[in-house]
Amino acid sequence: MQMAHVMNYEEILRAADKRTVVWEELRGQEKVRPMCFDGADFAGISGSHYLLLLECEDDCEDYNWNYRLWNNMPTQLERRINKWKEDPYA
C-alpha cells in the first residue's frame, strides 16, 4: 500500500478531475475528514464543510499551515513526520 502524502495544488486539481476522495487535516484537530469533489469544490461527506478550492492555489499561504490535503488517510506516524510549515504571516 502506498504511503499517504500531503498533496500539492496540481495533485488536488487532478483529484478533482477524477473525483477522487481526498483527506483534509486541520491543524490542531485529531480528526482527518474525507472530502469528495462535488463539481465545484471539495465537500465533506456530510456536505457541511467546503474546502474553497479557488482559494487553494500554489501560493496559498494558509495551505500546510492551517490545513492540508492528503492523498490517502494518513497514519498518526505520517501526520507526525510531515511537519506543518512555519507561520507565513510572521
N, C-alpha and C. Protein backbone atom coordinates (compact mmCIF):
# COMPACT_ATOMS: atom_id res chain seq x y z
N MET A 1 0.83 -1.19 0.00
CA MET A 1 0.00 0.00 0.00
C MET A 1 0.88 1.25 0.00
N GLN A 2 0.47 2.23 -0.79
CA GLN A 2 1.21 3.48 -0.91
C GLN A 2 1.06 4.31 0.36
N MET A 3 2.16 4.91 0.80
CA MET A 3 2.10 5.79 1.96
C MET A 3 1.33 7.05 1.59
N ALA A 4 0.63 7.59 2.56
CA ALA A 4 -0.07 8.85 2.35
C ALA A 4 0.93 10.00 2.32
N HIS A 5 0.62 11.02 1.52
CA HIS A 5 1.47 12.20 1.49
C HIS A 5 0.60 13.45 1.35
N VAL A 6 1.14 14.57 1.77
CA VAL A 6 0.46 15.85 1.63
C VAL A 6 0.48 16.22 0.15
N MET A 7 -0.69 16.54 -0.37
CA MET A 7 -0.83 16.83 -1.79
C MET A 7 -0.42 18.26 -2.13
N ASN A 8 0.12 18.44 -3.34
CA ASN A 8 0.36 19.79 -3.84
C ASN A 8 -0.85 20.22 -4.68
N TYR A 9 -0.85 21.47 -5.13
CA TYR A 9 -2.02 22.01 -5.83
C TYR A 9 -2.34 21.23 -7.11
N GLU A 10 -1.32 20.84 -7.84
CA GLU A 10 -1.53 20.07 -9.07
C GLU A 10 -2.22 18.73 -8.76
N GLU A 11 -1.81 18.07 -7.71
CA GLU A 11 -2.44 16.80 -7.31
C GLU A 11 -3.89 17.03 -6.88
N ILE A 12 -4.15 18.13 -6.21
CA ILE A 12 -5.51 18.45 -5.79
C ILE A 12 -6.41 18.62 -7.01
N LEU A 13 -5.92 19.33 -8.03
CA LEU A 13 -6.70 19.53 -9.25
C LEU A 13 -6.95 18.21 -9.98
N ARG A 14 -5.93 17.33 -10.02
CA ARG A 14 -6.12 16.01 -10.64
C ARG A 14 -7.16 15.20 -9.87
N ALA A 15 -7.13 15.28 -8.55
CA ALA A 15 -8.10 14.55 -7.73
C ALA A 15 -9.51 15.07 -8.01
N ALA A 16 -9.64 16.39 -8.19
CA ALA A 16 -10.95 16.97 -8.51
C ALA A 16 -11.42 16.46 -9.86
N ASP A 17 -10.53 16.44 -10.83
CA ASP A 17 -10.87 15.99 -12.18
C ASP A 17 -11.32 14.54 -12.19
N LYS A 18 -10.68 13.71 -11.37
CA LYS A 18 -11.01 12.28 -11.32
C LYS A 18 -12.07 11.94 -10.26
N ARG A 19 -12.50 12.97 -9.52
CA ARG A 19 -13.49 12.77 -8.44
C ARG A 19 -12.97 11.79 -7.38
N THR A 20 -11.68 11.93 -7.08
CA THR A 20 -11.02 11.09 -6.09
C THR A 20 -11.26 11.65 -4.69
N VAL A 21 -11.43 10.77 -3.72
CA VAL A 21 -11.56 11.20 -2.33
C VAL A 21 -10.21 11.71 -1.85
N VAL A 22 -10.21 12.83 -1.16
CA VAL A 22 -9.02 13.37 -0.52
C VAL A 22 -9.32 13.47 0.97
N TRP A 23 -8.28 13.63 1.75
CA TRP A 23 -8.43 13.66 3.21
C TRP A 23 -7.94 15.00 3.73
N GLU A 24 -8.81 15.75 4.38
CA GLU A 24 -8.47 17.07 4.89
C GLU A 24 -8.07 17.00 6.36
N GLU A 25 -6.93 17.61 6.66
CA GLU A 25 -6.47 17.71 8.04
C GLU A 25 -6.41 19.19 8.41
N LEU A 26 -7.04 19.54 9.50
CA LEU A 26 -6.98 20.89 10.03
C LEU A 26 -6.00 20.90 11.19
N ARG A 27 -5.14 21.89 11.21
CA ARG A 27 -4.12 21.97 12.25
C ARG A 27 -4.77 22.02 13.63
N GLY A 28 -4.23 21.22 14.54
CA GLY A 28 -4.71 21.21 15.92
C GLY A 28 -5.92 20.32 16.15
N GLN A 29 -6.39 19.61 15.13
CA GLN A 29 -7.53 18.72 15.29
C GLN A 29 -7.09 17.28 15.04
N GLU A 30 -7.63 16.38 15.81
CA GLU A 30 -7.29 14.96 15.66
C GLU A 30 -7.94 14.34 14.44
N LYS A 31 -9.13 14.76 14.13
CA LYS A 31 -9.91 14.13 13.06
C LYS A 31 -9.40 14.55 11.68
N VAL A 32 -9.30 13.59 10.79
CA VAL A 32 -8.99 13.83 9.38
C VAL A 32 -10.24 13.43 8.61
N ARG A 33 -10.77 14.38 7.80
CA ARG A 33 -12.07 14.17 7.16
C ARG A 33 -11.94 13.82 5.68
N PRO A 34 -12.73 12.84 5.23
CA PRO A 34 -12.76 12.57 3.78
C PRO A 34 -13.59 13.64 3.09
N MET A 35 -13.14 14.03 1.90
CA MET A 35 -13.85 15.02 1.11
C MET A 35 -13.93 14.53 -0.34
N CYS A 36 -15.03 14.85 -1.00
CA CYS A 36 -15.23 14.48 -2.40
C CYS A 36 -15.52 15.73 -3.21
N PHE A 37 -15.11 15.72 -4.48
CA PHE A 37 -15.38 16.85 -5.36
C PHE A 37 -16.83 16.78 -5.80
N ASP A 38 -17.56 17.88 -5.62
CA ASP A 38 -18.99 17.90 -5.95
C ASP A 38 -19.29 18.61 -7.27
N GLY A 39 -18.26 18.87 -8.06
CA GLY A 39 -18.44 19.56 -9.33
C GLY A 39 -17.97 21.00 -9.28
N ALA A 40 -17.92 21.56 -8.09
CA ALA A 40 -17.46 22.95 -7.93
C ALA A 40 -16.38 23.06 -6.87
N ASP A 41 -16.42 22.18 -5.88
CA ASP A 41 -15.49 22.27 -4.76
C ASP A 41 -15.42 20.91 -4.06
N PHE A 42 -14.44 20.76 -3.19
CA PHE A 42 -14.39 19.57 -2.34
C PHE A 42 -15.31 19.82 -1.16
N ALA A 43 -16.16 18.86 -0.88
CA ALA A 43 -17.11 18.98 0.22
C ALA A 43 -16.95 17.79 1.14
N GLY A 44 -17.17 18.04 2.43
CA GLY A 44 -17.17 16.95 3.39
C GLY A 44 -18.28 15.98 3.06
N ILE A 45 -18.13 14.76 3.46
CA ILE A 45 -19.12 13.72 3.16
C ILE A 45 -20.50 14.14 3.66
N SER A 46 -20.57 14.82 4.79
CA SER A 46 -21.85 15.29 5.31
C SER A 46 -22.36 16.51 4.54
N GLY A 47 -21.47 17.12 3.72
CA GLY A 47 -21.86 18.29 2.95
C GLY A 47 -21.83 19.58 3.74
N SER A 48 -21.39 19.50 4.98
CA SER A 48 -21.44 20.68 5.85
C SER A 48 -20.15 21.49 5.83
N HIS A 49 -19.13 21.01 5.13
CA HIS A 49 -17.82 21.67 5.15
C HIS A 49 -17.27 21.72 3.73
N TYR A 50 -16.75 22.87 3.33
CA TYR A 50 -16.17 23.02 1.99
C TYR A 50 -14.71 23.45 2.08
N LEU A 51 -13.93 23.04 1.10
CA LEU A 51 -12.51 23.37 1.07
C LEU A 51 -12.24 24.78 0.56
N LEU A 52 -13.09 25.30 -0.31
CA LEU A 52 -12.85 26.57 -1.00
C LEU A 52 -11.64 26.43 -1.92
N LEU A 53 -11.78 25.52 -2.87
CA LEU A 53 -10.70 25.17 -3.80
C LEU A 53 -10.13 26.39 -4.51
N LEU A 54 -10.95 27.36 -4.85
CA LEU A 54 -10.47 28.53 -5.58
C LEU A 54 -9.48 29.34 -4.77
N GLU A 55 -9.47 29.16 -3.45
CA GLU A 55 -8.53 29.88 -2.59
C GLU A 55 -7.26 29.08 -2.32
N CYS A 56 -7.14 27.91 -2.90
CA CYS A 56 -6.04 26.99 -2.58
C CYS A 56 -5.04 26.89 -3.71
N GLU A 57 -4.55 27.98 -4.18
CA GLU A 57 -3.58 27.94 -5.26
C GLU A 57 -2.19 27.63 -4.71
N ASP A 58 -1.24 27.43 -5.63
CA ASP A 58 0.14 27.12 -5.25
C ASP A 58 0.68 28.06 -4.18
N ASP A 59 0.34 29.33 -4.28
CA ASP A 59 0.89 30.31 -3.36
C ASP A 59 -0.04 30.62 -2.19
N CYS A 60 -1.01 29.78 -1.95
CA CYS A 60 -1.94 29.99 -0.84
C CYS A 60 -1.16 29.87 0.48
N GLU A 61 -1.05 30.96 1.18
CA GLU A 61 -0.20 30.99 2.37
C GLU A 61 -0.70 30.09 3.50
N ASP A 62 -2.01 29.85 3.56
CA ASP A 62 -2.57 29.03 4.63
C ASP A 62 -2.39 27.53 4.41
N TYR A 63 -2.14 27.12 3.16
CA TYR A 63 -2.04 25.70 2.88
C TYR A 63 -0.80 25.11 3.56
N ASN A 64 -1.01 24.02 4.23
CA ASN A 64 0.01 23.30 5.00
C ASN A 64 0.47 24.11 6.22
N TRP A 65 -0.26 25.15 6.55
CA TRP A 65 -0.04 25.89 7.80
C TRP A 65 -1.29 25.74 8.67
N ASN A 66 -2.47 25.98 8.11
CA ASN A 66 -3.73 25.79 8.84
C ASN A 66 -4.45 24.52 8.42
N TYR A 67 -4.28 24.11 7.20
CA TYR A 67 -4.96 22.92 6.68
C TYR A 67 -4.10 22.32 5.58
N ARG A 68 -4.36 21.04 5.29
CA ARG A 68 -3.67 20.37 4.20
C ARG A 68 -4.49 19.17 3.76
N LEU A 69 -4.23 18.72 2.55
CA LEU A 69 -4.92 17.57 2.00
C LEU A 69 -3.95 16.42 1.79
N TRP A 70 -4.45 15.24 2.06
CA TRP A 70 -3.68 14.01 1.90
C TRP A 70 -4.31 13.19 0.78
N ASN A 71 -3.49 12.41 0.07
CA ASN A 71 -4.00 11.56 -0.99
C ASN A 71 -4.66 10.30 -0.45
N ASN A 72 -4.28 9.87 0.73
CA ASN A 72 -4.88 8.72 1.43
C ASN A 72 -5.02 9.09 2.89
N MET A 73 -5.82 8.33 3.61
CA MET A 73 -5.95 8.56 5.05
C MET A 73 -4.59 8.36 5.69
N PRO A 74 -4.02 9.41 6.31
CA PRO A 74 -2.69 9.28 6.90
C PRO A 74 -2.73 8.58 8.26
N THR A 75 -1.66 7.90 8.56
CA THR A 75 -1.50 7.31 9.89
C THR A 75 -1.02 8.41 10.84
N GLN A 76 -1.06 8.13 12.12
CA GLN A 76 -0.54 9.10 13.09
C GLN A 76 0.95 9.36 12.85
N LEU A 77 1.69 8.31 12.48
CA LEU A 77 3.12 8.47 12.20
C LEU A 77 3.33 9.38 10.99
N GLU A 78 2.58 9.17 9.92
CA GLU A 78 2.71 10.02 8.73
C GLU A 78 2.37 11.48 9.05
N ARG A 79 1.37 11.68 9.87
CA ARG A 79 1.00 13.04 10.26
C ARG A 79 2.12 13.70 11.08
N ARG A 80 2.74 12.92 11.95
CA ARG A 80 3.83 13.46 12.78
C ARG A 80 5.08 13.76 11.96
N ILE A 81 5.39 12.88 11.01
CA ILE A 81 6.59 13.04 10.18
C ILE A 81 6.47 14.26 9.27
N ASN A 82 5.29 14.51 8.74
CA ASN A 82 5.07 15.63 7.82
C ASN A 82 4.77 16.89 8.62
N LYS A 83 5.81 17.65 8.85
CA LYS A 83 5.69 18.86 9.68
C LYS A 83 4.88 19.93 8.96
N TRP A 84 4.17 20.71 9.75
CA TRP A 84 3.46 21.88 9.23
C TRP A 84 4.48 22.96 8.91
N LYS A 85 4.19 23.81 7.92
CA LYS A 85 5.12 24.89 7.62
C LYS A 85 5.00 25.98 8.68
N GLU A 86 6.03 26.79 8.76
CA GLU A 86 6.07 27.89 9.73
C GLU A 86 5.04 28.94 9.36
N ASP A 87 4.70 29.78 10.32
CA ASP A 87 3.73 30.86 10.14
C ASP A 87 4.14 31.76 8.97
N PRO A 88 3.36 31.74 7.86
CA PRO A 88 3.74 32.56 6.69
C PRO A 88 3.52 34.06 6.92
N TYR A 89 2.81 34.41 7.97
CA TYR A 89 2.50 35.81 8.24
C TYR A 89 3.46 36.45 9.25
N ALA A 90 4.37 35.64 9.78
CA ALA A 90 5.29 36.15 10.81
C ALA A 90 6.38 36.99 10.19
